[in-house]
């Protein structure tokens, strides 16, 4: 599957999948959230019998990107030392890329800038 995206979303995917200049860039939480929203994901606080005001978020893809019913994933907003900067470290971005590859089959060749 190939997915056409805006240049902003493509820049985020370059960081997540270590494409070109993205290999050295840091990923901002706010940019990641915007990119996922632009792909049609719904983002909500994680609720597991709690109030849902923690740092974990549930990302639910649109039907068009799902090939299995349990395709949502959770991810923690950066916190601790990372929270002040609102950025993922490179290890976290790499783990995120692995998760997206596992859940959706995405990789460096999945995305392109749509004109």
PDB file of N, CA and C in Angstrom:
ATOM      1  N   UNK A   1       0.848  -1.176   0.000  1.00  0.00           N
ATOM      2  CA  UNK A   1       0.000   0.000   0.000  1.00  0.00           C
ATOM      3  C   UNK A   1       0.894   1.240   0.000  1.00  0.00           C
ATOM      4  N   UNK A   2       0.576   2.179  -0.874  1.00  0.00           N
ATOM      5  CA  UNK A   2       1.261   3.471  -0.908  1.00  0.00           C
ATOM      6  C   UNK A   2       0.250   4.518  -0.446  1.00  0.00           C
ATOM      7  N   UNK A   3       0.745   5.482   0.347  1.00  0.00           N
ATOM      8  CA  UNK A   3      -0.140   6.503   0.912  1.00  0.00           C
ATOM      9  C   UNK A   3       0.413   7.879   0.575  1.00  0.00           C
ATOM     10  N   UNK A   4      -0.387   8.680  -0.139  1.00  0.00           N
ATOM     11  CA  UNK A   4      -0.012  10.050  -0.453  1.00  0.00           C
ATOM     12  C   UNK A   4      -0.319  10.955   0.722  1.00  0.00           C
ATOM     13  N   UNK A   5       0.660  11.766   1.113  1.00  0.00           N
ATOM     14  CA  UNK A   5       0.511  12.630   2.290  1.00  0.00           C
ATOM     15  C   UNK A   5       1.042  14.032   1.990  1.00  0.00           C
ATOM     16  N   UNK A   6       0.777  14.958   2.899  1.00  0.00           N
ATOM     17  CA  UNK A   6       1.324  16.306   2.776  1.00  0.00           C
ATOM     18  C   UNK A   6       2.830  16.272   3.039  1.00  0.00           C
ATOM     19  N   UNK A   7       3.512  17.329   2.692  1.00  0.00           N
ATOM     20  CA  UNK A   7       4.955  17.381   2.942  1.00  0.00           C
ATOM     21  C   UNK A   7       5.262  17.361   4.439  1.00  0.00           C
ATOM     22  N   UNK A   8       4.383  17.934   5.254  1.00  0.00           N
ATOM     23  CA  UNK A   8       4.586  17.929   6.705  1.00  0.00           C
ATOM     24  C   UNK A   8       4.485  16.504   7.271  1.00  0.00           C
ATOM     25  N   UNK A   9       3.468  15.780   6.821  1.00  0.00           N
ATOM     26  CA  UNK A   9       3.310  14.399   7.275  1.00  0.00           C
ATOM     27  C   UNK A   9       4.449  13.535   6.762  1.00  0.00           C
ATOM     28  N   UNK A  10       4.878  13.772   5.535  1.00  0.00           N
ATOM     29  CA  UNK A  10       5.999  13.006   4.983  1.00  0.00           C
ATOM     30  C   UNK A  10       7.264  13.237   5.809  1.00  0.00           C
ATOM     31  N   UNK A  11       7.489  14.472   6.245  1.00  0.00           N
ATOM     32  CA  UNK A  11       8.669  14.774   7.069  1.00  0.00           C
ATOM     33  C   UNK A  11       8.630  13.976   8.376  1.00  0.00           C
ATOM     34  N   UNK A  12       7.454  13.838   8.972  1.00  0.00           N
ATOM     35  CA  UNK A  12       7.306  13.047  10.198  1.00  0.00           C
ATOM     36  C   UNK A  12       7.617  11.577   9.908  1.00  0.00           C
ATOM     37  N   UNK A  13       7.092  11.051   8.813  1.00  0.00           N
ATOM     38  CA  UNK A  13       7.348   9.649   8.473  1.00  0.00           C
ATOM     39  C   UNK A  13       8.821   9.411   8.149  1.00  0.00           C
ATOM     40  N   UNK A  14       9.481  10.425   7.594  1.00  0.00           N
ATOM     41  CA  UNK A  14      10.927  10.303   7.343  1.00  0.00           C
ATOM     42  C   UNK A  14      11.698  10.119   8.648  1.00  0.00           C
ATOM     43  N   UNK A  15      11.267  10.797   9.691  1.00  0.00           N
ATOM     44  CA  UNK A  15      11.917  10.642  10.998  1.00  0.00           C
ATOM     45  C   UNK A  15      11.619   9.256  11.563  1.00  0.00           C
ATOM     46  N   UNK A  16      10.359   8.864  11.537  1.00  0.00           N
ATOM     47  CA  UNK A  16       9.956   7.577  12.114  1.00  0.00           C
ATOM     48  C   UNK A  16      10.628   6.412  11.406  1.00  0.00           C
ATOM     49  N   UNK A  17      10.740   6.484  10.079  1.00  0.00           N
ATOM     50  CA  UNK A  17      11.301   5.376   9.311  1.00  0.00           C
ATOM     51  C   UNK A  17      12.729   5.634   8.833  1.00  0.00           C
ATOM     52  N   UNK A  18      13.382   6.649   9.406  1.00  0.00           N
ATOM     53  CA  UNK A  18      14.797   6.956   9.117  1.00  0.00           C
ATOM     54  C   UNK A  18      15.081   7.084   7.624  1.00  0.00           C
ATOM     55  N   UNK A  19      14.350   7.988   6.987  1.00  0.00           N
ATOM     56  CA  UNK A  19      14.523   8.251   5.559  1.00  0.00           C
ATOM     57  C   UNK A  19      15.303   9.546   5.390  1.00  0.00           C
ATOM     58  N   UNK A  20      16.355   9.540   4.627  1.00  0.00           N
ATOM     59  CA  UNK A  20      17.118  10.741   4.300  1.00  0.00           C
ATOM     60  C   UNK A  20      17.478  11.580   5.507  1.00  0.00           C
ATOM     61  N   UNK A  21      17.135  12.872   5.456  1.00  0.00           N
ATOM     62  CA  UNK A  21      17.454  13.799   6.544  1.00  0.00           C
ATOM     63  C   UNK A  21      16.731  13.446   7.844  1.00  0.00           C
ATOM     64  N   UNK A  22      15.672  12.671   7.747  1.00  0.00           N
ATOM     65  CA  UNK A  22      14.925  12.253   8.920  1.00  0.00           C
ATOM     66  C   UNK A  22      15.744  11.392   9.874  1.00  0.00           C
ATOM     67  N   UNK A  23      16.822  10.806   9.361  1.00  0.00           N
ATOM     68  CA  UNK A  23      17.671   9.952  10.204  1.00  0.00           C
ATOM     69  C   UNK A  23      18.281  10.713  11.376  1.00  0.00           C
ATOM     70  N   UNK A  24      18.478  12.013  11.203  1.00  0.00           N
ATOM     71  CA  UNK A  24      19.148  12.798  12.242  1.00  0.00           C
ATOM     72  C   UNK A  24      18.211  13.744  12.980  1.00  0.00           C
ATOM     73  N   UNK A  25      16.976  13.826  12.534  1.00  0.00           N
ATOM     74  CA  UNK A  25      16.033  14.769  13.134  1.00  0.00           C
ATOM     75  C   UNK A  25      15.365  14.172  14.370  1.00  0.00           C
ATOM     76  N   UNK A  26      14.890  15.048  15.233  1.00  0.00           N
ATOM     77  CA  UNK A  26      14.109  14.623  16.394  1.00  0.00           C
ATOM     78  C   UNK A  26      12.634  14.847  16.090  1.00  0.00           C
ATOM     79  N   UNK A  27      11.805  13.977  16.615  1.00  0.00           N
ATOM     80  CA  UNK A  27      10.372  14.027  16.351  1.00  0.00           C
ATOM     81  C   UNK A  27       9.649  14.710  17.501  1.00  0.00           C
ATOM     82  N   UNK A  28       8.894  15.726  17.179  1.00  0.00           N
ATOM     83  CA  UNK A  28       8.063  16.412  18.178  1.00  0.00           C
ATOM     84  C   UNK A  28       6.742  15.669  18.317  1.00  0.00           C
ATOM     85  N   UNK A  29       6.285  15.568  19.551  1.00  0.00           N
ATOM     86  CA  UNK A  29       5.005  14.925  19.820  1.00  0.00           C
ATOM     87  C   UNK A  29       3.890  15.596  19.036  1.00  0.00           C
ATOM     88  N   UNK A  30       3.849  16.914  19.047  1.00  0.00           N
ATOM     89  CA  UNK A  30       2.767  17.643  18.367  1.00  0.00           C
ATOM     90  C   UNK A  30       2.772  17.365  16.854  1.00  0.00           C
ATOM     91  N   UNK A  31       3.957  17.235  16.262  1.00  0.00           N
ATOM     92  CA  UNK A  31       4.037  16.927  14.827  1.00  0.00           C
ATOM     93  C   UNK A  31       3.554  15.504  14.548  1.00  0.00           C
ATOM     94  N   UNK A  32       3.902  14.575  15.440  1.00  0.00           N
ATOM     95  CA  UNK A  32       3.444  13.192  15.284  1.00  0.00           C
ATOM     96  C   UNK A  32       1.925  13.129  15.359  1.00  0.00           C
ATOM     97  N   UNK A  33       1.337  13.789  16.336  1.00  0.00           N
ATOM     98  CA  UNK A  33      -0.121  13.787  16.493  1.00  0.00           C
ATOM     99  C   UNK A  33      -0.783  14.383  15.246  1.00  0.00           C
ATOM    100  N   UNK A  34      -0.288  15.501  14.752  1.00  0.00           N
ATOM    101  CA  UNK A  34      -0.861  16.128  13.548  1.00  0.00           C
ATOM    102  C   UNK A  34      -0.757  15.199  12.344  1.00  0.00           C
ATOM    103  N   UNK A  35       0.380  14.527  12.212  1.00  0.00           N
ATOM    104  CA  UNK A  35       0.569  13.604  11.080  1.00  0.00           C
ATOM    105  C   UNK A  35      -0.429  12.459  11.149  1.00  0.00           C
ATOM    106  N   UNK A  36      -0.609  11.895  12.340  1.00  0.00           N
ATOM    107  CA  UNK A  36      -1.537  10.779  12.475  1.00  0.00           C
ATOM    108  C   UNK A  36      -2.980  11.245  12.242  1.00  0.00           C
ATOM    109  N   UNK A  37      -3.307  12.445  12.692  1.00  0.00           N
ATOM    110  CA  UNK A  37      -4.647  12.986  12.438  1.00  0.00           C
ATOM    111  C   UNK A  37      -4.856  13.211  10.942  1.00  0.00           C
ATOM    112  N   UNK A  38      -3.813  13.665  10.252  1.00  0.00           N
ATOM    113  CA  UNK A  38      -3.952  13.893   8.812  1.00  0.00           C
ATOM    114  C   UNK A  38      -4.166  12.587   8.048  1.00  0.00           C
ATOM    115  N   UNK A  39      -3.723  11.466   8.642  1.00  0.00           N
ATOM    116  CA  UNK A  39      -3.962  10.150   8.047  1.00  0.00           C
ATOM    117  C   UNK A  39      -5.343   9.597   8.417  1.00  0.00           C
ATOM    118  N   UNK A  40      -6.069  10.342   9.250  1.00  0.00           N
ATOM    119  CA  UNK A  40      -7.426   9.957   9.616  1.00  0.00           C
ATOM    120  C   UNK A  40      -7.548   9.238  10.949  1.00  0.00           C
ATOM    121  N   UNK A  41      -6.451   9.150  11.698  1.00  0.00           N
ATOM    122  CA  UNK A  41      -6.502   8.491  13.005  1.00  0.00           C
ATOM    123  C   UNK A  41      -7.284   9.335  14.000  1.00  0.00           C
ATOM    124  N   UNK A  42      -8.032   8.662  14.856  1.00  0.00           N
ATOM    125  CA  UNK A  42      -8.656   9.304  16.010  1.00  0.00           C
ATOM    126  C   UNK A  42      -7.706   9.100  17.181  1.00  0.00           C
ATOM    127  N   UNK A  43      -7.519  10.134  17.971  1.00  0.00           N
ATOM    128  CA  UNK A  43      -6.587  10.068  19.101  1.00  0.00           C
ATOM    129  C   UNK A  43      -7.356  10.425  20.363  1.00  0.00           C
ATOM    130  N   UNK A  44      -7.277   9.531  21.344  1.00  0.00           N
ATOM    131  CA  UNK A  44      -8.037   9.725  22.581  1.00  0.00           C
ATOM    132  C   UNK A  44      -7.190   9.313  23.770  1.00  0.00           C
ATOM    133  N   UNK A  45      -7.495   9.862  24.948  1.00  0.00           N
ATOM    134  CA  UNK A  45      -6.797   9.415  26.157  1.00  0.00           C
ATOM    135  C   UNK A  45      -7.062   7.935  26.397  1.00  0.00           C
ATOM    136  N   UNK A  46      -6.067   7.230  26.861  1.00  0.00           N
ATOM    137  CA  UNK A  46      -6.201   5.820  27.216  1.00  0.00           C
ATOM    138  C   UNK A  46      -7.018   5.716  28.488  1.00  0.00           C
ATOM    139  N   UNK A  47      -8.018   4.858  28.488  1.00  0.00           N
ATOM    140  CA  UNK A  47      -8.847   4.686  29.675  1.00  0.00           C
ATOM    141  C   UNK A  47      -8.937   3.207  30.002  1.00  0.00           C
ATOM    142  N   UNK A  48      -8.402   2.858  31.149  1.00  0.00           N
ATOM    143  CA  UNK A  48      -8.426   1.479  31.604  1.00  0.00           C
ATOM    144  C   UNK A  48      -8.950   1.479  33.037  1.00  0.00           C
ATOM    145  N   UNK A  49     -10.177   1.943  33.182  1.00  0.00           N
ATOM    146  CA  UNK A  49     -10.753   2.036  34.511  1.00  0.00           C
ATOM    147  C   UNK A  49     -10.237   3.241  35.287  1.00  0.00           C
ATOM    148  N   UNK A  50      -9.516   4.121  34.607  1.00  0.00           N
ATOM    149  CA  UNK A  50      -8.989   5.328  35.258  1.00  0.00           C
ATOM    150  C   UNK A  50      -9.678   6.546  34.676  1.00  0.00           C
ATOM    151  N   UNK A  51      -9.241   7.693  35.134  1.00  0.00           N
ATOM    152  CA  UNK A  51      -9.853   8.934  34.658  1.00  0.00           C
ATOM    153  C   UNK A  51      -9.447   9.288  33.233  1.00  0.00           C
ATOM    154  N   UNK A  52      -8.371   8.705  32.723  1.00  0.00           N
ATOM    155  CA  UNK A  52      -7.978   8.979  31.350  1.00  0.00           C
ATOM    156  C   UNK A  52      -7.193  10.261  31.187  1.00  0.00           C
ATOM    157  N   UNK A  53      -6.591  10.756  32.272  1.00  0.00           N
ATOM    158  CA  UNK A  53      -5.862  12.015  32.155  1.00  0.00           C
ATOM    159  C   UNK A  53      -4.353  11.804  32.220  1.00  0.00           C
ATOM    160  N   UNK A  54      -3.886  10.585  31.953  1.00  0.00           N
ATOM    161  CA  UNK A  54      -2.460  10.309  31.940  1.00  0.00           C
ATOM    162  C   UNK A  54      -1.838  10.676  30.603  1.00  0.00           C
ATOM    163  N   UNK A  55      -0.623  10.213  30.379  1.00  0.00           N
ATOM    164  CA  UNK A  55       0.095  10.586  29.160  1.00  0.00           C
ATOM    165  C   UNK A  55      -0.112   9.597  28.014  1.00  0.00           C
ATOM    166  N   UNK A  56      -0.751   8.469  28.270  1.00  0.00           N
ATOM    167  CA  UNK A  56      -0.955   7.456  27.221  1.00  0.00           C
ATOM    168  C   UNK A  56      -2.138   7.836  26.338  1.00  0.00           C
ATOM    169  N   UNK A  57      -1.953   7.648  25.033  1.00  0.00           N
ATOM    170  CA  UNK A  57      -3.001   7.950  24.063  1.00  0.00           C
ATOM    171  C   UNK A  57      -3.297   6.706  23.228  1.00  0.00           C
ATOM    172  N   UNK A  58      -4.544   6.586  22.784  1.00  0.00           N
ATOM    173  CA  UNK A  58      -4.965   5.509  21.903  1.00  0.00           C
ATOM    174  C   UNK A  58      -5.123   6.090  20.505  1.00  0.00           C
ATOM    175  N   UNK A  59      -4.461   5.480  19.540  1.00  0.00           N
ATOM    176  CA  UNK A  59      -4.519   5.899  18.142  1.00  0.00           C
ATOM    177  C   UNK A  59      -5.339   4.861  17.381  1.00  0.00           C
ATOM    178  N   UNK A  60      -6.478   5.284  16.845  1.00  0.00           N
ATOM    179  CA  UNK A  60      -7.372   4.380  16.116  1.00  0.00           C
ATOM    180  C   UNK A  60      -7.414   4.806  14.659  1.00  0.00           C
ATOM    181  N   UNK A  61      -7.019   3.913  13.759  1.00  0.00           N
ATOM    182  CA  UNK A  61      -6.976   4.277  12.341  1.00  0.00           C
ATOM    183  C   UNK A  61      -8.364   4.317  11.712  1.00  0.00           C
ATOM    184  N   UNK A  62      -8.474   5.024  10.601  1.00  0.00           N
ATOM    185  CA  UNK A  62      -9.742   4.998   9.871  1.00  0.00           C
ATOM    186  C   UNK A  62      -9.936   3.608   9.258  1.00  0.00           C
ATOM    187  N   UNK A  63     -11.149   3.280   8.930  1.00  0.00           N
ATOM    188  CA  UNK A  63     -11.461   1.974   8.346  1.00  0.00           C
ATOM    189  C   UNK A  63     -10.605   1.715   7.105  1.00  0.00           C
ATOM    190  N   UNK A  64     -10.326   2.740   6.333  1.00  0.00           N
ATOM    191  CA  UNK A  64      -9.562   2.574   5.095  1.00  0.00           C
ATOM    192  C   UNK A  64      -8.136   2.070   5.331  1.00  0.00           C
ATOM    193  N   UNK A  65      -7.593   2.243   6.530  1.00  0.00           N
ATOM    194  CA  UNK A  65      -6.239   1.788   6.828  1.00  0.00           C
ATOM    195  C   UNK A  65      -6.208   0.503   7.660  1.00  0.00           C
ATOM    196  N   UNK A  66      -7.367  -0.027   7.994  1.00  0.00           N
ATOM    197  CA  UNK A  66      -7.435  -1.228   8.838  1.00  0.00           C
ATOM    198  C   UNK A  66      -7.576  -2.471   7.993  1.00  0.00           C
ATOM    199  N   UNK A  67      -6.807  -3.475   8.340  1.00  0.00           N
ATOM    200  CA  UNK A  67      -7.049  -4.768   7.717  1.00  0.00           C
ATOM    201  C   UNK A  67      -7.417  -5.805   8.776  1.00  0.00           C
ATOM    202  N   UNK A  68      -7.416  -5.390  10.028  1.00  0.00           N
ATOM    203  CA  UNK A  68      -7.862  -6.258  11.119  1.00  0.00           C
ATOM    204  C   UNK A  68      -8.574  -5.412  12.163  1.00  0.00           C
ATOM    205  N   UNK A  69      -9.476  -5.988  12.898  1.00  0.00           N
ATOM    206  CA  UNK A  69     -10.284  -5.215  13.845  1.00  0.00           C
ATOM    207  C   UNK A  69      -9.482  -4.559  14.969  1.00  0.00           C
ATOM    208  N   UNK A  70      -8.454  -5.193  15.449  1.00  0.00           N
ATOM    209  CA  UNK A  70      -7.713  -4.663  16.601  1.00  0.00           C
ATOM    210  C   UNK A  70      -6.492  -3.866  16.140  1.00  0.00           C
ATOM    211  N   UNK A  71      -6.711  -2.925  15.263  1.00  0.00           N
ATOM    212  CA  UNK A  71      -5.595  -2.204  14.671  1.00  0.00           C
ATOM    213  C   UNK A  71      -5.195  -0.940  15.431  1.00  0.00           C
ATOM    214  N   UNK A  72      -5.872  -0.619  16.522  1.00  0.00           N
ATOM    215  CA  UNK A  72      -5.490   0.552  17.316  1.00  0.00           C
ATOM    216  C   UNK A  72      -4.183   0.265  18.046  1.00  0.00           C
ATOM    217  N   UNK A  73      -3.488   1.338  18.435  1.00  0.00           N
ATOM    218  CA  UNK A  73      -2.303   1.166  19.261  1.00  0.00           C
ATOM    219  C   UNK A  73      -2.262   2.284  20.294  1.00  0.00           C
ATOM    220  N   UNK A  74      -1.524   2.042  21.357  1.00  0.00           N
ATOM    221  CA  UNK A  74      -1.344   3.078  22.383  1.00  0.00           C
ATOM    222  C   UNK A  74       0.102   3.527  22.379  1.00  0.00           C
ATOM    223  N   UNK A  75       0.287   4.792  22.764  1.00  0.00           N
ATOM    224  CA  UNK A  75       1.636   5.352  22.857  1.00  0.00           C
ATOM    225  C   UNK A  75       1.620   6.441  23.924  1.00  0.00           C
ATOM    226  N   UNK A  76       2.693   6.501  24.678  1.00  0.00           N
ATOM    227  CA  UNK A  76       2.817   7.522  25.719  1.00  0.00           C
ATOM    228  C   UNK A  76       3.387   8.816  25.161  1.00  0.00           C
ATOM    229  N   UNK A  77       2.722   9.905  25.491  1.00  0.00           N
ATOM    230  CA  UNK A  77       3.275  11.217  25.178  1.00  0.00           C
ATOM    231  C   UNK A  77       4.599  11.337  25.934  1.00  0.00           C
ATOM    232  N   UNK A  78       5.627  11.920  25.313  1.00  0.00           N
ATOM    233  CA  UNK A  78       6.909  12.048  26.025  1.00  0.00           C
ATOM    234  C   UNK A  78       6.719  12.723  27.382  1.00  0.00           C
ATOM    235  N   UNK A  79       7.382  12.162  28.385  1.00  0.00           N
ATOM    236  CA  UNK A  79       7.308  12.742  29.720  1.00  0.00           C
ATOM    237  C   UNK A  79       8.665  12.572  30.396  1.00  0.00           C
ATOM    238  N   UNK A  80       8.771  13.046  31.616  1.00  0.00           N
ATOM    239  CA  UNK A  80      10.078  13.025  32.279  1.00  0.00           C
ATOM    240  C   UNK A  80      10.993  14.036  31.622  1.00  0.00           C
ATOM    241  N   UNK A  81      12.216  13.651  31.351  1.00  0.00           N
ATOM    242  CA  UNK A  81      13.179  14.570  30.722  1.00  0.00           C
ATOM    243  C   UNK A  81      12.723  14.999  29.335  1.00  0.00           C
ATOM    244  N   UNK A  82      12.017  14.106  28.628  1.00  0.00           N
ATOM    245  CA  UNK A  82      11.578  14.422  27.271  1.00  0.00           C
ATOM    246  C   UNK A  82      10.390  15.381  27.233  1.00  0.00           C
ATOM    247  N   UNK A  83       9.578  15.419  28.304  1.00  0.00           N
ATOM    248  CA  UNK A  83       8.339  16.190  28.266  1.00  0.00           C
ATOM    249  C   UNK A  83       8.563  17.669  28.025  1.00  0.00           C
ATOM    250  N   UNK A  84       9.553  18.245  28.687  1.00  0.00           N
ATOM    251  CA  UNK A  84       9.802  19.671  28.515  1.00  0.00           C
ATOM    252  C   UNK A  84      10.095  20.041  27.075  1.00  0.00           C
ATOM    253  N   UNK A  85      10.702  19.113  26.370  1.00  0.00           N
ATOM    254  CA  UNK A  85      11.031  19.348  24.968  1.00  0.00           C
ATOM    255  C   UNK A  85       9.907  18.881  24.051  1.00  0.00           C
ATOM    256  N   UNK A  86       9.017  18.015  24.592  1.00  0.00           N
ATOM    257  CA  UNK A  86       7.913  17.498  23.784  1.00  0.00           C
ATOM    258  C   UNK A  86       8.387  16.692  22.599  1.00  0.00           C
ATOM    259  N   UNK A  87       9.511  15.983  22.759  1.00  0.00           N
ATOM    260  CA  UNK A  87      10.095  15.245  21.640  1.00  0.00           C
ATOM    261  C   UNK A  87      10.380  13.808  22.006  1.00  0.00           C
ATOM    262  N   UNK A  88      10.367  12.968  20.979  1.00  0.00           N
ATOM    263  CA  UNK A  88      10.791  11.588  21.116  1.00  0.00           C
ATOM    264  C   UNK A  88      12.310  11.554  21.005  1.00  0.00           C
ATOM    265  N   UNK A  89      12.954  10.675  21.749  1.00  0.00           N
ATOM    266  CA  UNK A  89      14.364  10.455  21.455  1.00  0.00           C
ATOM    267  C   UNK A  89      14.421   9.516  20.244  1.00  0.00           C
ATOM    268  N   UNK A  90      15.600   9.334  19.672  1.00  0.00           N
ATOM    269  CA  UNK A  90      15.712   8.526  18.454  1.00  0.00           C
ATOM    270  C   UNK A  90      15.309   7.069  18.680  1.00  0.00           C
ATOM    271  N   UNK A  91      15.603   6.544  19.869  1.00  0.00           N
ATOM    272  CA  UNK A  91      15.212   5.159  20.160  1.00  0.00           C
ATOM    273  C   UNK A  91      13.693   5.012  20.153  1.00  0.00           C
ATOM    274  N   UNK A  92      13.004   5.970  20.752  1.00  0.00           N
ATOM    275  CA  UNK A  92      11.540   5.911  20.794  1.00  0.00           C
ATOM    276  C   UNK A  92      10.961   6.026  19.388  1.00  0.00           C
ATOM    277  N   UNK A  93      11.520   6.904  18.566  1.00  0.00           N
ATOM    278  CA  UNK A  93      11.041   7.050  17.191  1.00  0.00           C
ATOM    279  C   UNK A  93      11.246   5.749  16.415  1.00  0.00           C
ATOM    280  N   UNK A  94      12.374   5.098  16.652  1.00  0.00           N
ATOM    281  CA  UNK A  94      12.653   3.822  15.994  1.00  0.00           C
ATOM    282  C   UNK A  94      11.672   2.742  16.453  1.00  0.00           C
ATOM    283  N   UNK A  95      11.383   2.689  17.752  1.00  0.00           N
ATOM    284  CA  UNK A  95      10.400   1.725  18.268  1.00  0.00           C
ATOM    285  C   UNK A  95       9.020   1.997  17.665  1.00  0.00           C
ATOM    286  N   UNK A  96       8.690   3.280  17.523  1.00  0.00           N
ATOM    287  CA  UNK A  96       7.418   3.654  16.929  1.00  0.00           C
ATOM    288  C   UNK A  96       7.349   3.163  15.484  1.00  0.00           C
ATOM    289  N   UNK A  97       8.432   3.328  14.742  1.00  0.00           N
ATOM    290  CA  UNK A  97       8.477   2.823  13.364  1.00  0.00           C
ATOM    291  C   UNK A  97       8.253   1.323  13.316  1.00  0.00           C
ATOM    292  N   UNK A  98       8.868   0.599  14.255  1.00  0.00           N
ATOM    293  CA  UNK A  98       8.676  -0.843  14.321  1.00  0.00           C
ATOM    294  C   UNK A  98       7.233  -1.224  14.615  1.00  0.00           C
ATOM    295  N   UNK A  99       6.608  -0.472  15.512  1.00  0.00           N
ATOM    296  CA  UNK A  99       5.206  -0.736  15.847  1.00  0.00           C
ATOM    297  C   UNK A  99       4.299  -0.485  14.650  1.00  0.00           C
ATOM    298  N   UNK A 100       4.526   0.622  13.945  1.00  0.00           N
ATOM    299  CA  UNK A 100       3.704   0.940  12.768  1.00  0.00           C
ATOM    300  C   UNK A 100       3.922  -0.079  11.657  1.00  0.00           C
ATOM    301  N   UNK A 101       5.139  -0.583  11.542  1.00  0.00           N
ATOM    302  CA  UNK A 101       5.425  -1.636  10.560  1.00  0.00           C
ATOM    303  C   UNK A 101       4.661  -2.908  10.920  1.00  0.00           C
ATOM    304  N   UNK A 102       4.678  -3.261  12.197  1.00  0.00           N
ATOM    305  CA  UNK A 102       3.999  -4.468  12.657  1.00  0.00           C
ATOM    306  C   UNK A 102       2.489  -4.352  12.512  1.00  0.00           C
ATOM    307  N   UNK A 103       1.924  -3.227  12.918  1.00  0.00           N
ATOM    308  CA  UNK A 103       0.467  -3.046  12.908  1.00  0.00           C
ATOM    309  C   UNK A 103      -0.111  -2.871  11.507  1.00  0.00           C
ATOM    310  N   UNK A 104       0.594  -2.071  10.677  1.00  0.00           N
ATOM    311  CA  UNK A 104       0.013  -1.658   9.397  1.00  0.00           C
ATOM    312  C   UNK A 104       0.833  -2.051   8.176  1.00  0.00           C
ATOM    313  N   UNK A 105       2.007  -2.643   8.385  1.00  0.00           N
ATOM    314  CA  UNK A 105       2.852  -3.024   7.260  1.00  0.00           C
ATOM    315  C   UNK A 105       3.560  -1.843   6.620  1.00  0.00           C
ATOM    316  N   UNK A 106       3.629  -0.720   7.338  1.00  0.00           N
ATOM    317  CA  UNK A 106       4.264   0.474   6.789  1.00  0.00           C
ATOM    318  C   UNK A 106       5.776   0.367   6.870  1.00  0.00           C
ATOM    319  N   UNK A 107       6.440   0.999   5.909  1.00  0.00           N
ATOM    320  CA  UNK A 107       7.890   1.113   5.927  1.00  0.00           C
ATOM    321  C   UNK A 107       8.286   2.384   5.198  1.00  0.00           C
ATOM    322  N   UNK A 108       9.569   2.517   4.908  1.00  0.00           N
ATOM    323  CA  UNK A 108      10.081   3.750   4.300  1.00  0.00           C
ATOM    324  C   UNK A 108       9.463   4.010   2.924  1.00  0.00           C
ATOM    325  N   UNK A 109       9.024   2.973   2.232  1.00  0.00           N
ATOM    326  CA  UNK A 109       8.474   3.162   0.888  1.00  0.00           C
ATOM    327  C   UNK A 109       6.965   3.374   0.854  1.00  0.00           C
ATOM    328  N   UNK A 110       6.315   3.353   1.994  1.00  0.00           N
ATOM    329  CA  UNK A 110       4.854   3.462   2.047  1.00  0.00           C
ATOM    330  C   UNK A 110       4.363   4.867   1.677  1.00  0.00           C
ATOM    331  N   UNK A 111       5.096   5.887   2.075  1.00  0.00           N
ATOM    332  CA  UNK A 111       4.616   7.264   1.974  1.00  0.00           C
ATOM    333  C   UNK A 111       5.278   8.038   0.841  1.00  0.00           C
ATOM    334  N   UNK A 112       4.509   8.922   0.236  1.00  0.00           N
ATOM    335  CA  UNK A 112       5.033   9.842  -0.773  1.00  0.00           C
ATOM    336  C   UNK A 112       4.281  11.161  -0.656  1.00  0.00           C
ATOM    337  N   UNK A 113       4.919  12.234  -1.098  1.00  0.00           N
ATOM    338  CA  UNK A 113       4.288  13.554  -1.042  1.00  0.00           C
ATOM    339  C   UNK A 113       3.303  13.643  -2.187  1.00  0.00           C
ATOM    340  N   UNK A 114       2.046  13.858  -1.827  1.00  0.00           N
ATOM    341  CA  UNK A 114       0.996  13.973  -2.816  1.00  0.00           C
ATOM    342  C   UNK A 114       0.947  15.400  -3.342  1.00  0.00           C
ATOM    343  N   UNK A 115       0.941  15.531  -4.627  1.00  0.00           N
ATOM    344  CA  UNK A 115       0.929  16.863  -5.250  1.00  0.00           C
ATOM    345  C   UNK A 115      -0.464  17.429  -5.310  1.00  0.00           C
TER     346      UNK A 115
END
